[in-house]
Amino acid sequence: MIPIIKRIILSCLLFNLGLAHAHHGWSEYDQTKTVKLTGTITQSGYEHPHGVIKLNADGKSWTIVLAPPFRMENRGLSKSDIANGSQITVEGYINRTQPDELRAERITAGSKTIELR
């Protein structure tokens, strides 16, 4: 009986490790150079595990991966700061395999600049 319980626990741990690894795949972003984009938000998601917005900037539609909502709230970035139609500036790293995706390190919305990481 005990070996079955151990297998179940081990399977659960391995499964969760796999999810955690997939969720925090920050190595997919090129951290050798920072990119700065200014544009208009066309779609806004203030959701778990990370906020995501669509940004029109430099004649292109970008997917911007933000911090988790609790971190954005704690640092002063509210849902209304990144509403559709808002003008923002983001700085971050581009995804190596998805060149239209950026992981934001900092965002400027209105008069606020928020560090996200």
PDB file of N, CA and C in Angstrom:
ATOM      1  N   MET A   1       0.819  -1.197   0.000  1.00  0.00           N
ATOM      2  CA  MET A   1       0.000   0.000   0.000  1.00  0.00           C
ATOM      3  C   MET A   1       0.862   1.260   0.000  1.00  0.00           C
ATOM      4  N   ILE A   2       1.897   1.281   0.809  1.00  0.00           N
ATOM      5  CA  ILE A   2       2.757   2.459   0.896  1.00  0.00           C
ATOM      6  C   ILE A   2       3.441   2.762  -0.429  1.00  0.00           C
ATOM      7  N   PRO A   3       3.963   1.759  -1.147  1.00  0.00           N
ATOM      8  CA  PRO A   3       4.592   2.105  -2.433  1.00  0.00           C
ATOM      9  C   PRO A   3       3.630   2.784  -3.402  1.00  0.00           C
ATOM     10  N   ILE A   4       2.346   2.430  -3.392  1.00  0.00           N
ATOM     11  CA  ILE A   4       1.375   3.080  -4.283  1.00  0.00           C
ATOM     12  C   ILE A   4       1.219   4.547  -3.893  1.00  0.00           C
ATOM     13  N   ILE A   5       1.142   4.811  -2.611  1.00  0.00           N
ATOM     14  CA  ILE A   5       1.018   6.203  -2.156  1.00  0.00           C
ATOM     15  C   ILE A   5       2.265   6.996  -2.540  1.00  0.00           C
ATOM     16  N   LYS A   6       3.427   6.389  -2.385  1.00  0.00           N
ATOM     17  CA  LYS A   6       4.661   7.074  -2.770  1.00  0.00           C
ATOM     18  C   LYS A   6       4.664   7.392  -4.261  1.00  0.00           C
ATOM     19  N   ARG A   7       4.188   6.444  -5.072  1.00  0.00           N
ATOM     20  CA  ARG A   7       4.147   6.684  -6.517  1.00  0.00           C
ATOM     21  C   ARG A   7       3.200   7.826  -6.865  1.00  0.00           C
ATOM     22  N   ILE A   8       2.063   7.853  -6.194  1.00  0.00           N
ATOM     23  CA  ILE A   8       1.089   8.924  -6.456  1.00  0.00           C
ATOM     24  C   ILE A   8       1.688  10.272  -6.074  1.00  0.00           C
ATOM     25  N   ILE A   9       2.305  10.329  -4.905  1.00  0.00           N
ATOM     26  CA  ILE A   9       2.915  11.590  -4.456  1.00  0.00           C
ATOM     27  C   ILE A   9       4.025  12.016  -5.412  1.00  0.00           C
ATOM     28  N   LEU A  10       4.874  11.063  -5.799  1.00  0.00           N
ATOM     29  CA  LEU A  10       5.960  11.370  -6.726  1.00  0.00           C
ATOM     30  C   LEU A  10       5.417  11.851  -8.071  1.00  0.00           C
ATOM     31  N   SER A  11       4.365  11.195  -8.560  1.00  0.00           N
ATOM     32  CA  SER A  11       3.757  11.612  -9.830  1.00  0.00           C
ATOM     33  C   SER A  11       3.220  13.033  -9.737  1.00  0.00           C
ATOM     34  N   CYS A  12       2.559  13.344  -8.615  1.00  0.00           N
ATOM     35  CA  CYS A  12       2.021  14.696  -8.427  1.00  0.00           C
ATOM     36  C   CYS A  12       3.149  15.732  -8.397  1.00  0.00           C
ATOM     37  N   LEU A  13       4.220  15.413  -7.690  1.00  0.00           N
ATOM     38  CA  LEU A  13       5.357  16.339  -7.623  1.00  0.00           C
ATOM     39  C   LEU A  13       5.971  16.570  -8.993  1.00  0.00           C
ATOM     40  N   LEU A  14       6.176  15.496  -9.733  1.00  0.00           N
ATOM     41  CA  LEU A  14       6.760  15.631 -11.063  1.00  0.00           C
ATOM     42  C   LEU A  14       5.853  16.416 -11.999  1.00  0.00           C
ATOM     43  N   PHE A  15       4.547  16.180 -11.905  1.00  0.00           N
ATOM     44  CA  PHE A  15       3.596  16.909 -12.738  1.00  0.00           C
ATOM     45  C   PHE A  15       3.658  18.401 -12.428  1.00  0.00           C
ATOM     46  N   ASN A  16       3.654  18.736 -11.131  1.00  0.00           N
ATOM     47  CA  ASN A  16       3.707  20.154 -10.745  1.00  0.00           C
ATOM     48  C   ASN A  16       5.018  20.803 -11.137  1.00  0.00           C
ATOM     49  N   LEU A  17       6.118  20.085 -11.054  1.00  0.00           N
ATOM     50  CA  LEU A  17       7.398  20.630 -11.493  1.00  0.00           C
ATOM     51  C   LEU A  17       7.364  20.941 -12.981  1.00  0.00           C
ATOM     52  N   GLY A  18       6.737  20.069 -13.743  1.00  0.00           N
ATOM     53  CA  GLY A  18       6.620  20.285 -15.184  1.00  0.00           C
ATOM     54  C   GLY A  18       5.816  21.527 -15.495  1.00  0.00           C
ATOM     55  N   LEU A  19       4.708  21.732 -14.766  1.00  0.00           N
ATOM     56  CA  LEU A  19       3.899  22.932 -14.962  1.00  0.00           C
ATOM     57  C   LEU A  19       4.679  24.179 -14.580  1.00  0.00           C
ATOM     58  N   ALA A  20       5.383  24.098 -13.455  1.00  0.00           N
ATOM     59  CA  ALA A  20       6.164  25.254 -13.011  1.00  0.00           C
ATOM     60  C   ALA A  20       7.237  25.595 -14.032  1.00  0.00           C
ATOM     61  N   HIS A  21       7.887  24.573 -14.576  1.00  0.00           N
ATOM     62  CA  HIS A  21       8.918  24.827 -15.579  1.00  0.00           C
ATOM     63  C   HIS A  21       8.305  25.470 -16.816  1.00  0.00           C
ATOM     64  N   ALA A  22       7.175  24.964 -17.276  1.00  0.00           N
ATOM     65  CA  ALA A  22       6.530  25.508 -18.473  1.00  0.00           C
ATOM     66  C   ALA A  22       6.064  26.937 -18.234  1.00  0.00           C
ATOM     67  N   HIS A  23       5.567  27.197 -17.019  1.00  0.00           N
ATOM     68  CA  HIS A  23       5.049  28.521 -16.715  1.00  0.00           C
ATOM     69  C   HIS A  23       6.168  29.560 -16.656  1.00  0.00           C
ATOM     70  N   HIS A  24       7.322  29.205 -16.107  1.00  0.00           N
ATOM     71  CA  HIS A  24       8.396  30.170 -15.931  1.00  0.00           C
ATOM     72  C   HIS A  24       9.505  29.975 -16.951  1.00  0.00           C
ATOM     73  N   GLY A  25       9.152  29.850 -18.211  1.00  0.00           N
ATOM     74  CA  GLY A  25      10.131  29.680 -19.265  1.00  0.00           C
ATOM     75  C   GLY A  25      10.742  31.001 -19.697  1.00  0.00           C
ATOM     76  N   TRP A  26      11.265  31.775 -18.746  1.00  0.00           N
ATOM     77  CA  TRP A  26      11.815  33.087 -19.078  1.00  0.00           C
ATOM     78  C   TRP A  26      13.067  32.985 -19.926  1.00  0.00           C
ATOM     79  N   SER A  27      13.708  31.812 -19.972  1.00  0.00           N
ATOM     80  CA  SER A  27      14.907  31.677 -20.796  1.00  0.00           C
ATOM     81  C   SER A  27      14.577  31.808 -22.280  1.00  0.00           C
ATOM     82  N   GLU A  28      13.287  31.734 -22.626  1.00  0.00           N
ATOM     83  CA  GLU A  28      12.876  31.904 -24.015  1.00  0.00           C
ATOM     84  C   GLU A  28      13.005  33.352 -24.481  1.00  0.00           C
ATOM     85  N   TYR A  29      13.264  34.255 -23.556  1.00  0.00           N
ATOM     86  CA  TYR A  29      13.362  35.670 -23.905  1.00  0.00           C
ATOM     87  C   TYR A  29      14.825  36.091 -23.990  1.00  0.00           C
ATOM     88  N   ASP A  30      15.148  36.865 -25.002  1.00  0.00           N
ATOM     89  CA  ASP A  30      16.517  37.322 -25.226  1.00  0.00           C
ATOM     90  C   ASP A  30      16.844  38.460 -24.268  1.00  0.00           C
ATOM     91  N   GLN A  31      17.525  38.122 -23.187  1.00  0.00           N
ATOM     92  CA  GLN A  31      17.826  39.106 -22.152  1.00  0.00           C
ATOM     93  C   GLN A  31      19.127  39.858 -22.415  1.00  0.00           C
ATOM     94  N   THR A  32      19.668  39.715 -23.623  1.00  0.00           N
ATOM     95  CA  THR A  32      20.903  40.442 -23.948  1.00  0.00           C
ATOM     96  C   THR A  32      20.625  41.864 -24.417  1.00  0.00           C
ATOM     97  N   LYS A  33      19.373  42.128 -24.812  1.00  0.00           N
ATOM     98  CA  LYS A  33      19.052  43.496 -25.227  1.00  0.00           C
ATOM     99  C   LYS A  33      17.621  43.848 -24.831  1.00  0.00           C
ATOM    100  N   THR A  34      17.491  45.063 -24.349  1.00  0.00           N
ATOM    101  CA  THR A  34      16.187  45.570 -23.939  1.00  0.00           C
ATOM    102  C   THR A  34      15.549  46.290 -25.118  1.00  0.00           C
ATOM    103  N   VAL A  35      14.254  46.079 -25.287  1.00  0.00           N
ATOM    104  CA  VAL A  35      13.487  46.744 -26.340  1.00  0.00           C
ATOM    105  C   VAL A  35      12.454  47.639 -25.672  1.00  0.00           C
ATOM    106  N   LYS A  36      12.282  48.830 -26.222  1.00  0.00           N
ATOM    107  CA  LYS A  36      11.323  49.795 -25.681  1.00  0.00           C
ATOM    108  C   LYS A  36      10.277  50.085 -26.747  1.00  0.00           C
ATOM    109  N   LEU A  37       9.003  49.916 -26.385  1.00  0.00           N
ATOM    110  CA  LEU A  37       7.897  50.128 -27.314  1.00  0.00           C
ATOM    111  C   LEU A  37       6.907  51.121 -26.722  1.00  0.00           C
ATOM    112  N   THR A  38       6.410  52.010 -27.555  1.00  0.00           N
ATOM    113  CA  THR A  38       5.349  52.925 -27.148  1.00  0.00           C
ATOM    114  C   THR A  38       4.202  52.751 -28.126  1.00  0.00           C
ATOM    115  N   GLY A  39       2.998  52.584 -27.589  1.00  0.00           N
ATOM    116  CA  GLY A  39       1.867  52.378 -28.463  1.00  0.00           C
ATOM    117  C   GLY A  39       0.548  52.381 -27.727  1.00  0.00           C
ATOM    118  N   THR A  40      -0.465  51.875 -28.420  1.00  0.00           N
ATOM    119  CA  THR A  40      -1.835  51.852 -27.909  1.00  0.00           C
ATOM    120  C   THR A  40      -2.266  50.422 -27.612  1.00  0.00           C
ATOM    121  N   ILE A  41      -2.878  50.244 -26.457  1.00  0.00           N
ATOM    122  CA  ILE A  41      -3.386  48.927 -26.061  1.00  0.00           C
ATOM    123  C   ILE A  41      -4.667  48.641 -26.835  1.00  0.00           C
ATOM    124  N   THR A  42      -4.705  47.491 -27.492  1.00  0.00           N
ATOM    125  CA  THR A  42      -5.906  47.100 -28.227  1.00  0.00           C
ATOM    126  C   THR A  42      -6.667  45.975 -27.523  1.00  0.00           C
ATOM    127  N   GLN A  43      -5.995  45.319 -26.605  1.00  0.00           N
ATOM    128  CA  GLN A  43      -6.655  44.243 -25.841  1.00  0.00           C
ATOM    129  C   GLN A  43      -5.931  44.149 -24.504  1.00  0.00           C
ATOM    130  N   SER A  44      -6.693  44.037 -23.435  1.00  0.00           N
ATOM    131  CA  SER A  44      -6.082  44.022 -22.114  1.00  0.00           C
ATOM    132  C   SER A  44      -6.581  42.853 -21.282  1.00  0.00           C
ATOM    133  N   GLY A  45      -5.644  42.138 -20.666  1.00  0.00           N
ATOM    134  CA  GLY A  45      -6.001  41.027 -19.786  1.00  0.00           C
ATOM    135  C   GLY A  45      -5.248  41.139 -18.474  1.00  0.00           C
ATOM    136  N   TYR A  46      -5.980  41.381 -17.403  1.00  0.00           N
ATOM    137  CA  TYR A  46      -5.397  41.537 -16.073  1.00  0.00           C
ATOM    138  C   TYR A  46      -5.713  40.245 -15.341  1.00  0.00           C
ATOM    139  N   GLU A  47      -4.976  39.183 -15.678  1.00  0.00           N
ATOM    140  CA  GLU A  47      -5.376  37.851 -15.254  1.00  0.00           C
ATOM    141  C   GLU A  47      -4.187  37.019 -14.795  1.00  0.00           C
ATOM    142  N   HIS A  48      -4.484  35.890 -14.156  1.00  0.00           N
ATOM    143  CA  HIS A  48      -3.461  34.961 -13.678  1.00  0.00           C
ATOM    144  C   HIS A  48      -3.106  33.971 -14.774  1.00  0.00           C
ATOM    145  N   PRO A  49      -1.904  33.471 -14.853  1.00  0.00           N
ATOM    146  CA  PRO A  49      -0.808  33.760 -13.951  1.00  0.00           C
ATOM    147  C   PRO A  49      -0.106  35.089 -14.268  1.00  0.00           C
ATOM    148  N   HIS A  50      -0.299  35.628 -15.479  1.00  0.00           N
ATOM    149  CA  HIS A  50       0.330  36.899 -15.854  1.00  0.00           C
ATOM    150  C   HIS A  50      -0.662  37.731 -16.643  1.00  0.00           C
ATOM    151  N   GLY A  51      -0.588  39.024 -16.453  1.00  0.00           N
ATOM    152  CA  GLY A  51      -1.360  39.894 -17.301  1.00  0.00           C
ATOM    153  C   GLY A  51      -0.784  39.868 -18.708  1.00  0.00           C
ATOM    154  N   VAL A  52      -1.649  40.049 -19.683  1.00  0.00           N
ATOM    155  CA  VAL A  52      -1.222  40.065 -21.089  1.00  0.00           C
ATOM    156  C   VAL A  52      -1.990  41.173 -21.785  1.00  0.00           C
ATOM    157  N   ILE A  53      -1.285  41.943 -22.581  1.00  0.00           N
ATOM    158  CA  ILE A  53      -1.949  42.959 -23.386  1.00  0.00           C
ATOM    159  C   ILE A  53      -1.493  42.828 -24.832  1.00  0.00           C
ATOM    160  N   LYS A  54      -2.310  43.332 -25.727  1.00  0.00           N
ATOM    161  CA  LYS A  54      -1.942  43.485 -27.132  1.00  0.00           C
ATOM    162  C   LYS A  54      -1.665  44.971 -27.321  1.00  0.00           C
ATOM    163  N   LEU A  55      -0.547  45.257 -27.950  1.00  0.00           N
ATOM    164  CA  LEU A  55      -0.106  46.637 -28.112  1.00  0.00           C
ATOM    165  C   LEU A  55       0.215  46.894 -29.574  1.00  0.00           C
ATOM    166  N   ASN A  56      -0.361  47.948 -30.131  1.00  0.00           N
ATOM    167  CA  ASN A  56       0.029  48.395 -31.468  1.00  0.00           C
ATOM    168  C   ASN A  56       1.172  49.381 -31.316  1.00  0.00           C
ATOM    169  N   ALA A  57       2.335  49.003 -31.817  1.00  0.00           N
ATOM    170  CA  ALA A  57       3.522  49.854 -31.728  1.00  0.00           C
ATOM    171  C   ALA A  57       4.437  49.543 -32.898  1.00  0.00           C
ATOM    172  N   ASP A  58       5.057  50.570 -33.424  1.00  0.00           N
ATOM    173  CA  ASP A  58       5.993  50.419 -34.542  1.00  0.00           C
ATOM    174  C   ASP A  58       5.351  49.715 -35.735  1.00  0.00           C
ATOM    175  N   GLY A  59       4.058  49.963 -35.986  1.00  0.00           N
ATOM    176  CA  GLY A  59       3.359  49.371 -37.121  1.00  0.00           C
ATOM    177  C   GLY A  59       3.111  47.883 -37.003  1.00  0.00           C
ATOM    178  N   LYS A  60       3.091  47.388 -35.770  1.00  0.00           N
ATOM    179  CA  LYS A  60       2.981  45.953 -35.550  1.00  0.00           C
ATOM    180  C   LYS A  60       2.108  45.706 -34.319  1.00  0.00           C
ATOM    181  N   SER A  61       1.452  44.546 -34.282  1.00  0.00           N
ATOM    182  CA  SER A  61       0.699  44.148 -33.101  1.00  0.00           C
ATOM    183  C   SER A  61       1.588  43.252 -32.238  1.00  0.00           C
ATOM    184  N   TRP A  62       1.832  43.675 -31.000  1.00  0.00           N
ATOM    185  CA  TRP A  62       2.694  42.957 -30.077  1.00  0.00           C
ATOM    186  C   TRP A  62       1.867  42.304 -28.985  1.00  0.00           C
ATOM    187  N   THR A  63       2.333  41.154 -28.520  1.00  0.00           N
ATOM    188  CA  THR A  63       1.799  40.542 -27.307  1.00  0.00           C
ATOM    189  C   THR A  63       2.780  40.878 -26.192  1.00  0.00           C
ATOM    190  N   ILE A  64       2.280  41.527 -25.155  1.00  0.00           N
ATOM    191  CA  ILE A  64       3.131  41.948 -24.037  1.00  0.00           C
ATOM    192  C   ILE A  64       2.751  41.116 -22.811  1.00  0.00           C
ATOM    193  N   VAL A  65       3.709  40.363 -22.287  1.00  0.00           N
ATOM    194  CA  VAL A  65       3.490  39.558 -21.086  1.00  0.00           C
ATOM    195  C   VAL A  65       3.887  40.407 -19.881  1.00  0.00           C
ATOM    196  N   LEU A  66       2.930  40.585 -18.982  1.00  0.00           N
ATOM    197  CA  LEU A  66       3.133  41.430 -17.803  1.00  0.00           C
ATOM    198  C   LEU A  66       3.379  40.567 -16.572  1.00  0.00           C
ATOM    199  N   ALA A  67       3.400  41.182 -15.414  1.00  0.00           N
ATOM    200  CA  ALA A  67       3.562  40.477 -14.138  1.00  0.00           C
ATOM    201  C   ALA A  67       2.217  39.913 -13.693  1.00  0.00           C
ATOM    202  N   PRO A  68       2.221  39.083 -12.663  1.00  0.00           N
ATOM    203  CA  PRO A  68       0.947  38.619 -12.093  1.00  0.00           C
ATOM    204  C   PRO A  68       0.146  39.816 -11.550  1.00  0.00           C
ATOM    205  N   PRO A  69      -1.184  39.739 -11.592  1.00  0.00           N
ATOM    206  CA  PRO A  69      -2.015  40.860 -11.136  1.00  0.00           C
ATOM    207  C   PRO A  69      -1.706  41.332  -9.716  1.00  0.00           C
ATOM    208  N   PHE A  70      -1.458  40.404  -8.775  1.00  0.00           N
ATOM    209  CA  PHE A  70      -1.195  40.853  -7.396  1.00  0.00           C
ATOM    210  C   PHE A  70       0.060  41.719  -7.330  1.00  0.00           C
ATOM    211  N   ARG A  71       1.077  41.394  -8.130  1.00  0.00           N
ATOM    212  CA  ARG A  71       2.305  42.196  -8.127  1.00  0.00           C
ATOM    213  C   ARG A  71       2.047  43.570  -8.762  1.00  0.00           C
ATOM    214  N   MET A  72       1.287  43.575  -9.868  1.00  0.00           N
ATOM    215  CA  MET A  72       0.986  44.855 -10.512  1.00  0.00           C
ATOM    216  C   MET A  72       0.199  45.758  -9.564  1.00  0.00           C
ATOM    217  N   GLU A  73      -0.787  45.176  -8.868  1.00  0.00           N
ATOM    218  CA  GLU A  73      -1.570  45.963  -7.893  1.00  0.00           C
ATOM    219  C   GLU A  73      -0.678  46.494  -6.791  1.00  0.00           C
ATOM    220  N   ASN A  74       0.176  45.624  -6.226  1.00  0.00           N
ATOM    221  CA  ASN A  74       1.055  46.031  -5.121  1.00  0.00           C
ATOM    222  C   ASN A  74       2.011  47.136  -5.525  1.00  0.00           C
ATOM    223  N   ARG A  75       2.358  47.188  -6.792  1.00  0.00           N
ATOM    224  CA  ARG A  75       3.309  48.212  -7.239  1.00  0.00           C
ATOM    225  C   ARG A  75       2.626  49.435  -7.840  1.00  0.00           C
ATOM    226  N   GLY A  76       1.300  49.418  -7.828  1.00  0.00           N
ATOM    227  CA  GLY A  76       0.564  50.614  -8.229  1.00  0.00           C
ATOM    228  C   GLY A  76       0.029  50.639  -9.641  1.00  0.00           C
ATOM    229  N   LEU A  77       0.056  49.514 -10.334  1.00  0.00           N
ATOM    230  CA  LEU A  77      -0.509  49.463 -11.688  1.00  0.00           C
ATOM    231  C   LEU A  77      -1.884  48.812 -11.605  1.00  0.00           C
ATOM    232  N   SER A  78      -2.921  49.605 -11.791  1.00  0.00           N
ATOM    233  CA  SER A  78      -4.284  49.072 -11.694  1.00  0.00           C
ATOM    234  C   SER A  78      -4.778  48.602 -13.055  1.00  0.00           C
ATOM    235  N   LYS A  79      -5.867  47.890 -13.021  1.00  0.00           N
ATOM    236  CA  LYS A  79      -6.485  47.391 -14.251  1.00  0.00           C
ATOM    237  C   LYS A  79      -6.851  48.551 -15.175  1.00  0.00           C
ATOM    238  N   SER A  80      -7.313  49.647 -14.604  1.00  0.00           N
ATOM    239  CA  SER A  80      -7.724  50.791 -15.431  1.00  0.00           C
ATOM    240  C   SER A  80      -6.530  51.478 -16.104  1.00  0.00           C
ATOM    241  N   ASP A  81      -5.320  51.319 -15.533  1.00  0.00           N
ATOM    242  CA  ASP A  81      -4.118  51.914 -16.148  1.00  0.00           C
ATOM    243  C   ASP A  81      -3.783  51.274 -17.491  1.00  0.00           C
ATOM    244  N   ILE A  82      -4.219  50.034 -17.671  1.00  0.00           N
ATOM    245  CA  ILE A  82      -3.889  49.335 -18.921  1.00  0.00           C
ATOM    246  C   ILE A  82      -5.162  48.944 -19.669  1.00  0.00           C
ATOM    247  N   ALA A  83      -6.155  49.811 -19.607  1.00  0.00           N
ATOM    248  CA  ALA A  83      -7.418  49.557 -20.317  1.00  0.00           C
ATOM    249  C   ALA A  83      -7.218  49.737 -21.827  1.00  0.00           C
ATOM    250  N   ASN A  84      -8.105  49.144 -22.582  1.00  0.00           N
ATOM    251  CA  ASN A  84      -8.066  49.291 -24.039  1.00  0.00           C
ATOM    252  C   ASN A  84      -8.054  50.773 -24.414  1.00  0.00           C
ATOM    253  N   GLY A  85      -7.226  51.125 -25.376  1.00  0.00           N
ATOM    254  CA  GLY A  85      -7.130  52.497 -25.858  1.00  0.00           C
ATOM    255  C   GLY A  85      -6.082  53.324 -25.137  1.00  0.00           C
ATOM    256  N   SER A  86      -5.524  52.802 -24.039  1.00  0.00           N
ATOM    257  CA  SER A  86      -4.501  53.542 -23.291  1.00  0.00           C
ATOM    258  C   SER A  86      -3.189  53.584 -24.062  1.00  0.00           C
ATOM    259  N   GLN A  87      -2.472  54.701 -23.909  1.00  0.00           N
ATOM    260  CA  GLN A  87      -1.127  54.838 -24.463  1.00  0.00           C
ATOM    261  C   GLN A  87      -0.139  54.444 -23.368  1.00  0.00           C
ATOM    262  N   ILE A  88       0.770  53.548 -23.693  1.00  0.00           N
ATOM    263  CA  ILE A  88       1.761  53.114 -22.703  1.00  0.00           C
ATOM    264  C   ILE A  88       3.128  52.963 -23.376  1.00  0.00           C
ATOM    265  N   THR A  89       4.137  52.856 -22.530  1.00  0.00           N
ATOM    266  CA  THR A  89       5.473  52.481 -22.976  1.00  0.00           C
ATOM    267  C   THR A  89       5.903  51.280 -22.159  1.00  0.00           C
ATOM    268  N   VAL A  90       6.435  50.266 -22.817  1.00  0.00           N
ATOM    269  CA  VAL A  90       6.947  49.087 -22.113  1.00  0.00           C
ATOM    270  C   VAL A  90       8.398  48.859 -22.528  1.00  0.00           C
ATOM    271  N   GLU A  91       9.161  48.345 -21.570  1.00  0.00           N
ATOM    272  CA  GLU A  91      10.540  47.950 -21.838  1.00  0.00           C
ATOM    273  C   GLU A  91      10.681  46.507 -21.410  1.00  0.00           C
ATOM    274  N   GLY A  92      11.343  45.709 -22.236  1.00  0.00           N
ATOM    275  CA  GLY A  92      11.499  44.312 -21.876  1.00  0.00           C
ATOM    276  C   GLY A  92      12.285  43.541 -22.907  1.00  0.00           C
ATOM    277  N   TYR A  93      12.055  42.250 -22.913  1.00  0.00           N
ATOM    278  CA  TYR A  93      12.835  41.333 -23.741  1.00  0.00           C
ATOM    279  C   TYR A  93      11.935  40.593 -24.723  1.00  0.00           C
ATOM    280  N   ILE A  94      12.415  40.422 -25.942  1.00  0.00           N
ATOM    281  CA  ILE A  94      11.646  39.758 -26.987  1.00  0.00           C
ATOM    282  C   ILE A  94      11.827  38.248 -26.896  1.00  0.00           C
ATOM    283  N   ASN A  95      10.740  37.532 -27.145  1.00  0.00           N
ATOM    284  CA  ASN A  95      10.774  36.080 -27.175  1.00  0.00           C
ATOM    285  C   ASN A  95      11.616  35.625 -28.362  1.00  0.00           C
ATOM    286  N   ARG A  96      12.472  34.653 -28.127  1.00  0.00           N
ATOM    287  CA  ARG A  96      13.383  34.178 -29.179  1.00  0.00           C
ATOM    288  C   ARG A  96      12.655  33.484 -30.329  1.00  0.00           C
ATOM    289  N   THR A  97      11.552  32.799 -30.037  1.00  0.00           N
ATOM    290  CA  THR A  97      10.845  32.063 -31.095  1.00  0.00           C
ATOM    291  C   THR A  97       9.566  32.758 -31.562  1.00  0.00           C
ATOM    292  N   GLN A  98       9.092  33.737 -30.779  1.00  0.00           N
ATOM    293  CA  GLN A  98       7.899  34.491 -31.167  1.00  0.00           C
ATOM    294  C   GLN A  98       8.286  35.977 -31.166  1.00  0.00           C
ATOM    295  N   PRO A  99       8.803  36.458 -32.295  1.00  0.00           N
ATOM    296  CA  PRO A  99       9.381  37.805 -32.340  1.00  0.00           C
ATOM    297  C   PRO A  99       8.397  38.951 -32.119  1.00  0.00           C
ATOM    298  N   ASP A 100       7.093  38.650 -32.023  1.00  0.00           N
ATOM    299  CA  ASP A 100       6.121  39.714 -31.734  1.00  0.00           C
ATOM    300  C   ASP A 100       5.659  39.666 -30.279  1.00  0.00           C
ATOM    301  N   GLU A 101       6.395  38.917 -29.435  1.00  0.00           N
ATOM    302  CA  GLU A 101       6.046  38.823 -28.014  1.00  0.00           C
ATOM    303  C   GLU A 101       7.173  39.409 -27.172  1.00  0.00           C
ATOM    304  N   LEU A 102       6.795  40.228 -26.222  1.00  0.00           N
ATOM    305  CA  LEU A 102       7.768  40.885 -25.348  1.00  0.00           C
ATOM    306  C   LEU A 102       7.398  40.631 -23.891  1.00  0.00           C
ATOM    307  N   ARG A 103       8.376  40.269 -23.078  1.00  0.00           N
ATOM    308  CA  ARG A 103       8.183  40.138 -21.622  1.00  0.00           C
ATOM    309  C   ARG A 103       8.536  41.476 -21.007  1.00  0.00           C
ATOM    310  N   ALA A 104       7.566  42.154 -20.448  1.00  0.00           N
ATOM    311  CA  ALA A 104       7.779  43.505 -19.930  1.00  0.00           C
ATOM    312  C   ALA A 104       8.492  43.485 -18.588  1.00  0.00           C
ATOM    313  N   GLU A 105       9.525  44.296 -18.491  1.00  0.00           N
ATOM    314  CA  GLU A 105      10.226  44.504 -17.226  1.00  0.00           C
ATOM    315  C   GLU A 105       9.720  45.766 -16.531  1.00  0.00           C
ATOM    316  N   ARG A 106       9.272  46.710 -17.344  1.00  0.00           N
ATOM    317  CA  ARG A 106       8.782  47.979 -16.774  1.00  0.00           C
ATOM    318  C   ARG A 106       7.726  48.538 -17.718  1.00  0.00           C
ATOM    319  N   ILE A 107       6.774  49.231 -17.140  1.00  0.00           N
ATOM    320  CA  ILE A 107       5.699  49.816 -17.927  1.00  0.00           C
ATOM    321  C   ILE A 107       5.468  51.237 -17.454  1.00  0.00           C
ATOM    322  N   THR A 108       5.248  52.134 -18.410  1.00  0.00           N
ATOM    323  CA  THR A 108       4.876  53.498 -18.084  1.00  0.00           C
ATOM    324  C   THR A 108       3.472  53.717 -18.616  1.00  0.00           C
ATOM    325  N   ALA A 109       2.564  53.994 -17.687  1.00  0.00           N
ATOM    326  CA  ALA A 109       1.157  54.233 -18.023  1.00  0.00           C
ATOM    327  C   ALA A 109       0.762  55.546 -17.363  1.00  0.00           C
ATOM    328  N   GLY A 110       0.392  56.525 -18.182  1.00  0.00           N
ATOM    329  CA  GLY A 110       0.112  57.853 -17.622  1.00  0.00           C
ATOM    330  C   GLY A 110       1.405  58.433 -17.066  1.00  0.00           C
ATOM    331  N   SER A 111       1.356  58.894 -15.839  1.00  0.00           N
ATOM    332  CA  SER A 111       2.549  59.483 -15.213  1.00  0.00           C
ATOM    333  C   SER A 111       3.309  58.480 -14.347  1.00  0.00           C
ATOM    334  N   LYS A 112       2.870  57.205 -14.349  1.00  0.00           N
ATOM    335  CA  LYS A 112       3.496  56.187 -13.497  1.00  0.00           C
ATOM    336  C   LYS A 112       4.422  55.271 -14.288  1.00  0.00           C
ATOM    337  N   THR A 113       5.591  55.004 -13.738  1.00  0.00           N
ATOM    338  CA  THR A 113       6.471  53.970 -14.270  1.00  0.00           C
ATOM    339  C   THR A 113       6.587  52.895 -13.209  1.00  0.00           C
ATOM    340  N   ILE A 114       6.234  51.668 -13.593  1.00  0.00           N
ATOM    341  CA  ILE A 114       6.157  50.551 -12.651  1.00  0.00           C
ATOM    342  C   ILE A 114       7.157  49.479 -13.064  1.00  0.00           C
ATOM    343  N   GLU A 115       7.995  49.069 -12.110  1.00  0.00           N
ATOM    344  CA  GLU A 115       8.894  47.925 -12.314  1.00  0.00           C
ATOM    345  C   GLU A 115       8.061  46.661 -12.104  1.00  0.00           C
ATOM    346  N   LEU A 116       8.077  45.762 -13.069  1.00  0.00           N
ATOM    347  CA  LEU A 116       7.228  44.575 -12.989  1.00  0.00           C
ATOM    348  C   LEU A 116       7.927  43.334 -12.459  1.00  0.00           C
ATOM    349  N   ARG A 117       9.235  43.285 -12.517  1.00  0.00           N
ATOM    350  CA  ARG A 117       9.938  42.068 -12.070  1.00  0.00           C
ATOM    351  C   ARG A 117      10.636  42.286 -10.761  1.00  0.00           C
TER     352      ARG A 117
END
